[in-house]
Structure formats: structure tokens, C-alpha cells
Amino acid sequence: MRSFSVAVAGLALLFVQLFSASASAQTPPSPREIDGYRELHKAAHNGDVALIEKLASAGADLESRDTVGRTPLHVAAFASQDDAVRALAEAGANLNALENSAYDIVTIASVANDLEMVELALALGANAGNITSPFDGTALIAAAHLGHHDVVSRLIAAGAPLDHVNNLGWTALIEAVILGDGRSDHVETVRALVAAGADRTIADRQAVTPIEHARARGYSEIVEILNETR
């Protein structure tokens, strides 16, 4: 009864936090921004490897920023241009750069459920443990929130921090429960996190644990996973 009542008491706070999260989510370049791109940003968006190599050889600034702080590498990641990401990285672009909302290319690809881009970025040397987003989260938290379980598994394999707590007071495991829908994608996300050793005892700021949240929402499969003994 305690878990249910605490969860209900926290719904107002949760609503405020969710509204803030949705209002500040990462945004890909708009059509107007894309139309205004020149040189490396344009080449990155279009996946024009030859032009990227030509501009880089001529000394173009690989870390140049658009109006919201996106480098050409961010633009290539948003456009899912794998070859452009590779070309920029090989030219020396910073794989861990953050744009103005503090997103890196791994988090951008994780939110998009772009597993191929996630794998490429990690293979090129991007850090799976970067602190990203206005919520001081990680790519793993973002992927868990959305139920992108294949991405979650890849990030875990890359050493992403399992128990990082963001500035909302949530871990990847908590987000997979309270921001998920309890269906198969989030079930598999929870399963991957628990199998990897995520701490099931870490509670949110209202002292509600992942299993208490799952019980309050009627997520029986997730409750079963969280109840399993190692």
C-alpha cells in the first residue's frame, strides 16, 4: 500500500518533470536550418564524403557550430549519415562534442534507435558514458526511457554506467519503468539492465523503487524480472 500511495502522491511532480523533459528534448535541424547550411554542415547532412575530405584537407573548422551549437558531426548523426560521421571522425572531429542542449552523437543516435550509428560512433571512439542532455543523463538513460532495448544492450556492452542518476533523480532502470508502457520493448529493456547488474534498490526522490513503480502501474512482467534473485 505504501508504494502505491507514494507513487500516486508523486504524480503531480512527475507530470511537471515529464512536461519539462518533453519541452527540452533534442531537436534535429529544421528544413530552414538545413537550407542555410554551407560547407561542412551541408556536406555532413548530405553525406558528401568527398566534399568533407576536400574541406577538411583545406583546413575547414571541424568543430564549427550552427545557431544551436551543432557541429557537422551532430548534423551527420541526426541525418543518419554513417559515411559522413566516419569521414569527419577520421579527419579529427571531436566524437564527444556536445551541442547547446548537451547532446552528443551517441545520445542522438540512441534516441533515434539508430543502432548502426551507435555502433559506428562507439567503434570510432565515442564515449558511452558521457553526461548528456539538460537532465545530466546518459545515452543509456535516454535509450531505456524509450525502450530501445537493442541500443541499451549495445551501450551496456560498451561500458555505459548502469546506475547513473540524472538531475530528475532517475536511473535508466527507473526511467524504463516510469516512462515506459510496460510492453515488450520496455520489458526487454528492464531485462537487459537487470541482467547486466543494474541496482534495483536505487529509489527516486520520493523513495519509490523501480519495483514499487512497476507494481503501482500493473507491469507484471517487469515486476517478475525485478523480483528475480541473481
C-alpha atoms as a PDB file:
ATOM      1  CA  MET A   1       0.000   0.000   0.000  1.00  0.00           C
ATOM      2  CA  ARG A   2       2.857   2.374   0.816  1.00  0.00           C
ATOM      3  CA  SER A   3       4.353   2.055  -2.682  1.00  0.00           C
ATOM      4  CA  PHE A   4       1.029   2.770  -4.359  1.00  0.00           C
ATOM      5  CA  SER A   5       0.217   5.781  -2.194  1.00  0.00           C
ATOM      6  CA  VAL A   6       3.694   7.234  -2.575  1.00  0.00           C
ATOM      7  CA  ALA A   7       3.540   6.754  -6.325  1.00  0.00           C
ATOM      8  CA  VAL A   8       0.171   8.488  -6.513  1.00  0.00           C
ATOM      9  CA  ALA A   9       1.413  11.327  -4.308  1.00  0.00           C
ATOM     10  CA  GLY A  10       4.301  11.837  -6.708  1.00  0.00           C
ATOM     11  CA  LEU A  11       2.187  12.041  -9.863  1.00  0.00           C
ATOM     12  CA  ALA A  12       1.942  15.830  -9.792  1.00  0.00           C
ATOM     13  CA  LEU A  13       5.712  16.146  -9.555  1.00  0.00           C
ATOM     14  CA  LEU A  14       6.113  13.519 -12.242  1.00  0.00           C
ATOM     15  CA  PHE A  15       3.838  15.451 -14.579  1.00  0.00           C
ATOM     16  CA  VAL A  16       5.890  18.607 -14.129  1.00  0.00           C
ATOM     17  CA  GLN A  17       9.119  16.709 -14.755  1.00  0.00           C
ATOM     18  CA  LEU A  18       7.750  14.971 -17.845  1.00  0.00           C
ATOM     19  CA  PHE A  19       6.486  18.247 -19.249  1.00  0.00           C
ATOM     20  CA  SER A  20       9.912  19.794 -18.725  1.00  0.00           C
ATOM     21  CA  ALA A  21      11.573  16.804 -20.363  1.00  0.00           C
ATOM     22  CA  SER A  22       9.365  16.910 -23.446  1.00  0.00           C
ATOM     23  CA  ALA A  23       9.772  20.679 -23.772  1.00  0.00           C
ATOM     24  CA  SER A  24      13.571  20.441 -23.766  1.00  0.00           C
ATOM     25  CA  ALA A  25      14.074  17.320 -25.918  1.00  0.00           C
ATOM     26  CA  GLN A  26      16.801  17.269 -28.542  1.00  0.00           C
ATOM     27  CA  THR A  27      15.802  18.729 -31.891  1.00  0.00           C
ATOM     28  CA  PRO A  28      17.212  17.800 -35.281  1.00  0.00           C
ATOM     29  CA  PRO A  29      17.996  20.564 -37.779  1.00  0.00           C
ATOM     30  CA  SER A  30      14.850  22.082 -39.241  1.00  0.00           C
ATOM     31  CA  PRO A  31      14.308  22.325 -43.013  1.00  0.00           C
ATOM     32  CA  ARG A  32      15.065  26.036 -42.769  1.00  0.00           C
ATOM     33  CA  GLU A  33      18.326  25.365 -40.933  1.00  0.00           C
ATOM     34  CA  ILE A  34      19.289  22.717 -43.463  1.00  0.00           C
ATOM     35  CA  ASP A  35      18.620  25.110 -46.335  1.00  0.00           C
ATOM     36  CA  GLY A  36      21.001  27.560 -44.695  1.00  0.00           C
ATOM     37  CA  TYR A  37      23.858  25.112 -44.215  1.00  0.00           C
ATOM     38  CA  ARG A  38      27.081  25.669 -46.084  1.00  0.00           C
ATOM     39  CA  GLU A  39      30.360  23.804 -46.462  1.00  0.00           C
ATOM     40  CA  LEU A  40      30.926  21.147 -43.779  1.00  0.00           C
ATOM     41  CA  HIS A  41      27.455  21.301 -42.241  1.00  0.00           C
ATOM     42  CA  LYS A  42      25.877  20.917 -45.675  1.00  0.00           C
ATOM     43  CA  ALA A  43      28.258  18.134 -46.675  1.00  0.00           C
ATOM     44  CA  ALA A  44      27.603  16.348 -43.368  1.00  0.00           C
ATOM     45  CA  HIS A  45      23.836  16.495 -43.796  1.00  0.00           C
ATOM     46  CA  ASN A  46      24.062  15.262 -47.388  1.00  0.00           C
ATOM     47  CA  GLY A  47      26.601  12.548 -46.621  1.00  0.00           C
ATOM     48  CA  ASP A  48      29.020  14.025 -49.164  1.00  0.00           C
ATOM     49  CA  VAL A  49      32.237  12.280 -48.115  1.00  0.00           C
ATOM     50  CA  ALA A  50      34.321  13.657 -50.982  1.00  0.00           C
ATOM     51  CA  LEU A  51      33.426  17.228 -50.048  1.00  0.00           C
ATOM     52  CA  ILE A  52      34.060  16.565 -46.350  1.00  0.00           C
ATOM     53  CA  GLU A  53      37.526  15.245 -47.178  1.00  0.00           C
ATOM     54  CA  LYS A  54      38.239  18.172 -49.501  1.00  0.00           C
ATOM     55  CA  LEU A  55      37.129  20.787 -46.952  1.00  0.00           C
ATOM     56  CA  ALA A  56      38.959  19.092 -44.103  1.00  0.00           C
ATOM     57  CA  SER A  57      42.162  18.932 -46.144  1.00  0.00           C
ATOM     58  CA  ALA A  58      41.800  22.651 -46.853  1.00  0.00           C
ATOM     59  CA  GLY A  59      41.653  23.390 -43.125  1.00  0.00           C
ATOM     60  CA  ALA A  60      37.903  23.787 -42.587  1.00  0.00           C
ATOM     61  CA  ASP A  61      36.890  24.023 -38.933  1.00  0.00           C
ATOM     62  CA  LEU A  62      35.621  20.570 -37.966  1.00  0.00           C
ATOM     63  CA  GLU A  63      34.139  21.994 -34.776  1.00  0.00           C
ATOM     64  CA  SER A  64      32.232  24.871 -36.383  1.00  0.00           C
ATOM     65  CA  ARG A  65      28.776  25.361 -34.874  1.00  0.00           C
ATOM     66  CA  ASP A  66      25.361  26.187 -36.244  1.00  0.00           C
ATOM     67  CA  THR A  67      22.978  28.509 -34.406  1.00  0.00           C
ATOM     68  CA  VAL A  68      22.200  25.920 -31.689  1.00  0.00           C
ATOM     69  CA  GLY A  69      25.710  24.576 -31.348  1.00  0.00           C
ATOM     70  CA  ARG A  70      25.578  21.558 -33.638  1.00  0.00           C
ATOM     71  CA  THR A  71      28.892  20.599 -35.195  1.00  0.00           C
ATOM     72  CA  PRO A  72      28.960  18.895 -38.607  1.00  0.00           C
ATOM     73  CA  LEU A  73      29.261  15.600 -36.717  1.00  0.00           C
ATOM     74  CA  HIS A  74      25.983  16.249 -34.868  1.00  0.00           C
ATOM     75  CA  VAL A  75      24.308  17.102 -38.159  1.00  0.00           C
ATOM     76  CA  ALA A  76      25.575  13.881 -39.747  1.00  0.00           C
ATOM     77  CA  ALA A  77      24.309  11.871 -36.774  1.00  0.00           C
ATOM     78  CA  PHE A  78      20.860  13.455 -36.937  1.00  0.00           C
ATOM     79  CA  ALA A  79      20.758  12.681 -40.679  1.00  0.00           C
ATOM     80  CA  SER A  80      21.970   9.086 -40.071  1.00  0.00           C
ATOM     81  CA  GLN A  81      24.850   9.638 -42.470  1.00  0.00           C
ATOM     82  CA  ASP A  82      27.244   6.913 -41.352  1.00  0.00           C
ATOM     83  CA  ASP A  83      29.880   7.563 -44.013  1.00  0.00           C
ATOM     84  CA  ALA A  84      29.909  11.271 -43.184  1.00  0.00           C
ATOM     85  CA  VAL A  85      30.383  10.500 -39.480  1.00  0.00           C
ATOM     86  CA  ARG A  86      33.282   8.212 -40.332  1.00  0.00           C
ATOM     87  CA  ALA A  87      34.886  10.795 -42.633  1.00  0.00           C
ATOM     88  CA  LEU A  88      34.573  13.569 -40.050  1.00  0.00           C
ATOM     89  CA  ALA A  89      35.981  11.359 -37.305  1.00  0.00           C
ATOM     90  CA  GLU A  90      38.916  10.303 -39.466  1.00  0.00           C
ATOM     91  CA  ALA A  91      39.580  13.967 -40.192  1.00  0.00           C
ATOM     92  CA  GLY A  92      39.814  14.616 -36.449  1.00  0.00           C
ATOM     93  CA  ALA A  93      36.339  15.779 -35.404  1.00  0.00           C
ATOM     94  CA  ASN A  94      35.566  15.546 -31.687  1.00  0.00           C
ATOM     95  CA  LEU A  95      33.348  12.479 -31.251  1.00  0.00           C
ATOM     96  CA  ASN A  96      32.320  13.585 -27.761  1.00  0.00           C
ATOM     97  CA  ALA A  97      31.334  17.167 -28.569  1.00  0.00           C
ATOM     98  CA  LEU A  98      28.086  18.416 -27.021  1.00  0.00           C
ATOM     99  CA  GLU A  99      25.691  20.764 -28.761  1.00  0.00           C
ATOM    100  CA  ASN A 100      23.924  23.572 -26.888  1.00  0.00           C
ATOM    101  CA  SER A 101      21.432  21.212 -25.204  1.00  0.00           C
ATOM    102  CA  ALA A 102      24.334  18.935 -24.196  1.00  0.00           C
ATOM    103  CA  TYR A 103      23.651  16.065 -26.585  1.00  0.00           C
ATOM    104  CA  ASP A 104      26.452  14.032 -28.142  1.00  0.00           C
ATOM    105  CA  ILE A 105      26.225  11.824 -31.218  1.00  0.00           C
ATOM    106  CA  VAL A 106      25.791   8.617 -29.192  1.00  0.00           C
ATOM    107  CA  THR A 107      22.761  10.039 -27.396  1.00  0.00           C
ATOM    108  CA  ILE A 108      21.371  11.451 -30.643  1.00  0.00           C
ATOM    109  CA  ALA A 109      21.640   8.019 -32.273  1.00  0.00           C
ATOM    110  CA  SER A 110      20.280   6.276 -29.169  1.00  0.00           C
ATOM    111  CA  VAL A 111      17.159   8.433 -29.092  1.00  0.00           C
ATOM    112  CA  ALA A 112      16.645   7.735 -32.811  1.00  0.00           C
ATOM    113  CA  ASN A 113      17.049   3.977 -32.175  1.00  0.00           C
ATOM    114  CA  ASP A 114      19.795   4.088 -34.803  1.00  0.00           C
ATOM    115  CA  LEU A 115      21.775   1.045 -33.681  1.00  0.00           C
ATOM    116  CA  GLU A 116      24.110   1.161 -36.662  1.00  0.00           C
ATOM    117  CA  MET A 117      25.071   4.745 -35.852  1.00  0.00           C
ATOM    118  CA  VAL A 118      25.520   3.916 -32.170  1.00  0.00           C
ATOM    119  CA  GLU A 119      27.840   1.043 -33.056  1.00  0.00           C
ATOM    120  CA  LEU A 120      29.796   3.179 -35.517  1.00  0.00           C
ATOM    121  CA  ALA A 121      30.241   6.041 -33.067  1.00  0.00           C
ATOM    122  CA  LEU A 122      31.446   3.682 -30.344  1.00  0.00           C
ATOM    123  CA  ALA A 123      33.792   1.886 -32.736  1.00  0.00           C
ATOM    124  CA  LEU A 124      35.294   5.237 -33.743  1.00  0.00           C
ATOM    125  CA  GLY A 125      35.972   6.100 -30.108  1.00  0.00           C
ATOM    126  CA  ALA A 126      32.918   7.915 -28.776  1.00  0.00           C
ATOM    127  CA  ASN A 127      32.352   7.529 -25.029  1.00  0.00           C
ATOM    128  CA  ALA A 128      29.238   5.599 -23.968  1.00  0.00           C
ATOM    129  CA  GLY A 129      29.434   7.231 -20.548  1.00  0.00           C
ATOM    130  CA  ASN A 130      29.210  10.897 -21.490  1.00  0.00           C
ATOM    131  CA  ILE A 131      26.920  13.014 -19.302  1.00  0.00           C
ATOM    132  CA  THR A 132      24.421  14.436 -21.758  1.00  0.00           C
ATOM    133  CA  SER A 133      21.152  16.347 -22.080  1.00  0.00           C
ATOM    134  CA  PRO A 134      19.778  19.175 -19.909  1.00  0.00           C
ATOM    135  CA  PHE A 135      18.974  16.455 -17.361  1.00  0.00           C
ATOM    136  CA  ASP A 136      22.597  15.371 -16.800  1.00  0.00           C
ATOM    137  CA  GLY A 137      21.710  11.939 -18.082  1.00  0.00           C
ATOM    138  CA  THR A 138      23.399   9.454 -20.382  1.00  0.00           C
ATOM    139  CA  ALA A 139      22.691   7.789 -23.695  1.00  0.00           C
ATOM    140  CA  LEU A 140      21.720   4.670 -21.720  1.00  0.00           C
ATOM    141  CA  ILE A 141      19.072   6.549 -19.747  1.00  0.00           C
ATOM    142  CA  ALA A 142      17.679   8.057 -22.958  1.00  0.00           C
ATOM    143  CA  ALA A 143      17.507   4.670 -24.679  1.00  0.00           C
ATOM    144  CA  ALA A 144      15.965   2.993 -21.623  1.00  0.00           C
ATOM    145  CA  HIS A 145      13.316   5.721 -21.388  1.00  0.00           C
ATOM    146  CA  LEU A 146      12.245   4.945 -24.968  1.00  0.00           C
ATOM    147  CA  GLY A 147      12.504   1.161 -24.707  1.00  0.00           C
ATOM    148  CA  HIS A 148      15.242   0.879 -27.332  1.00  0.00           C
ATOM    149  CA  HIS A 149      16.466  -2.396 -25.892  1.00  0.00           C
ATOM    150  CA  ASP A 150      18.945  -3.299 -28.645  1.00  0.00           C
ATOM    151  CA  VAL A 151      20.643   0.067 -28.171  1.00  0.00           C
ATOM    152  CA  VAL A 152      20.515  -0.430 -24.394  1.00  0.00           C
ATOM    153  CA  SER A 153      22.296  -3.769 -24.753  1.00  0.00           C
ATOM    154  CA  ARG A 154      24.966  -2.253 -27.000  1.00  0.00           C
ATOM    155  CA  LEU A 155      25.592   0.623 -24.615  1.00  0.00           C
ATOM    156  CA  ILE A 156      25.846  -1.776 -21.686  1.00  0.00           C
ATOM    157  CA  ALA A 157      28.416  -3.800 -23.623  1.00  0.00           C
ATOM    158  CA  ALA A 158      30.355  -0.576 -24.228  1.00  0.00           C
ATOM    159  CA  GLY A 159      30.557   0.110 -20.509  1.00  0.00           C
ATOM    160  CA  ALA A 160      27.826   2.723 -20.104  1.00  0.00           C
ATOM    161  CA  PRO A 161      27.251   3.498 -16.391  1.00  0.00           C
ATOM    162  CA  LEU A 162      24.317   1.363 -15.254  1.00  0.00           C
ATOM    163  CA  ASP A 163      23.360   3.331 -12.157  1.00  0.00           C
ATOM    164  CA  HIS A 164      23.946   6.949 -13.102  1.00  0.00           C
ATOM    165  CA  VAL A 165      21.274   9.172 -11.528  1.00  0.00           C
ATOM    166  CA  ASN A 166      20.200  12.168 -13.589  1.00  0.00           C
ATOM    167  CA  ASN A 167      19.088  15.512 -12.213  1.00  0.00           C
ATOM    168  CA  LEU A 168      15.483  14.307 -12.077  1.00  0.00           C
ATOM    169  CA  GLY A 169      16.633  11.658  -9.610  1.00  0.00           C
ATOM    170  CA  TRP A 170      16.185   8.759 -12.036  1.00  0.00           C
ATOM    171  CA  THR A 171      18.369   5.894 -13.224  1.00  0.00           C
ATOM    172  CA  ALA A 172      17.997   4.073 -16.537  1.00  0.00           C
ATOM    173  CA  LEU A 173      16.052   1.356 -14.711  1.00  0.00           C
ATOM    174  CA  ILE A 174      13.649   3.826 -13.122  1.00  0.00           C
ATOM    175  CA  GLU A 175      13.067   5.586 -16.461  1.00  0.00           C
ATOM    176  CA  ALA A 176      12.379   2.288 -18.221  1.00  0.00           C
ATOM    177  CA  VAL A 177       9.570   1.707 -15.724  1.00  0.00           C
ATOM    178  CA  ILE A 178       8.017   5.110 -15.118  1.00  0.00           C
ATOM    179  CA  LEU A 179       8.406   6.474 -18.649  1.00  0.00           C
ATOM    180  CA  GLY A 180       7.721   3.149 -20.330  1.00  0.00           C
ATOM    181  CA  ASP A 181       4.440   1.472 -21.207  1.00  0.00           C
ATOM    182  CA  GLY A 182       5.132  -1.919 -19.625  1.00  0.00           C
ATOM    183  CA  ARG A 183       5.066  -3.633 -23.027  1.00  0.00           C
ATOM    184  CA  SER A 184       7.650  -5.814 -24.727  1.00  0.00           C
ATOM    185  CA  ASP A 185      10.233  -3.156 -25.623  1.00  0.00           C
ATOM    186  CA  HIS A 186      10.400  -1.822 -22.083  1.00  0.00           C
ATOM    187  CA  VAL A 187      10.216  -5.340 -20.627  1.00  0.00           C
ATOM    188  CA  GLU A 188      13.299  -6.293 -22.654  1.00  0.00           C
ATOM    189  CA  THR A 189      14.999  -3.056 -21.639  1.00  0.00           C
ATOM    190  CA  VAL A 190      14.452  -3.843 -17.951  1.00  0.00           C
ATOM    191  CA  ARG A 191      15.591  -7.408 -18.538  1.00  0.00           C
ATOM    192  CA  ALA A 192      18.852  -6.209 -20.129  1.00  0.00           C
ATOM    193  CA  LEU A 193      19.546  -3.736 -17.330  1.00  0.00           C
ATOM    194  CA  VAL A 194      18.846  -6.257 -14.572  1.00  0.00           C
ATOM    195  CA  ALA A 195      20.924  -8.965 -16.298  1.00  0.00           C
ATOM    196  CA  ALA A 196      23.812  -6.500 -16.505  1.00  0.00           C
ATOM    197  CA  GLY A 197      23.623  -5.821 -12.776  1.00  0.00           C
ATOM    198  CA  ALA A 198      21.724  -2.527 -12.552  1.00  0.00           C
ATOM    199  CA  ASP A 199      20.961  -1.686  -8.928  1.00  0.00           C
ATOM    200  CA  ARG A 200      17.278  -2.405  -8.347  1.00  0.00           C
ATOM    201  CA  THR A 201      17.314  -0.777  -4.920  1.00  0.00           C
ATOM    202  CA  ILE A 202      18.042   2.783  -6.082  1.00  0.00           C
ATOM    203  CA  ALA A 203      14.861   4.781  -5.452  1.00  0.00           C
ATOM    204  CA  ASP A 204      13.668   8.077  -6.847  1.00  0.00           C
ATOM    205  CA  ARG A 205      13.437  11.300  -4.837  1.00  0.00           C
ATOM    206  CA  GLN A 206      10.141  10.163  -3.337  1.00  0.00           C
ATOM    207  CA  ALA A 207      11.920   6.994  -2.101  1.00  0.00           C
ATOM    208  CA  VAL A 208       9.954   4.820  -4.544  1.00  0.00           C
ATOM    209  CA  THR A 209      11.944   1.934  -6.021  1.00  0.00           C
ATOM    210  CA  PRO A 210      11.620   0.566  -9.572  1.00  0.00           C
ATOM    211  CA  ILE A 211       9.631  -2.460  -8.425  1.00  0.00           C
ATOM    212  CA  GLU A 212       7.215  -0.274  -6.452  1.00  0.00           C
ATOM    213  CA  HIS A 213       6.641   1.855  -9.541  1.00  0.00           C
ATOM    214  CA  ALA A 214       6.105  -1.287 -11.627  1.00  0.00           C
ATOM    215  CA  ARG A 215       3.607  -2.715  -9.158  1.00  0.00           C
ATOM    216  CA  ALA A 216       1.684   0.568  -8.995  1.00  0.00           C
ATOM    217  CA  ARG A 217       1.375   0.529 -12.786  1.00  0.00           C
ATOM    218  CA  GLY A 218       0.420  -3.134 -13.056  1.00  0.00           C
ATOM    219  CA  TYR A 219       3.526  -4.067 -15.058  1.00  0.00           C
ATOM    220  CA  SER A 220       3.524  -7.709 -14.004  1.00  0.00           C
ATOM    221  CA  GLU A 221       6.307  -8.903 -16.326  1.00  0.00           C
ATOM    222  CA  ILE A 222       8.602  -6.142 -15.138  1.00  0.00           C
ATOM    223  CA  VAL A 223       7.737  -6.898 -11.502  1.00  0.00           C
ATOM    224  CA  GLU A 224       8.683 -10.521 -12.122  1.00  0.00           C
ATOM    225  CA  ILE A 225      12.051  -9.524 -13.605  1.00  0.00           C
ATOM    226  CA  LEU A 226      12.774  -7.117 -10.760  1.00  0.00           C
ATOM    227  CA  ASN A 227      11.874  -9.837  -8.256  1.00  0.00           C
ATOM    228  CA  GLU A 228      14.293 -12.366  -9.692  1.00  0.00           C
ATOM    229  CA  THR A 229      17.203 -13.367  -7.477  1.00  0.00           C
ATOM    230  CA  ARG A 230      20.649 -13.352  -9.002  1.00  0.00           C
END
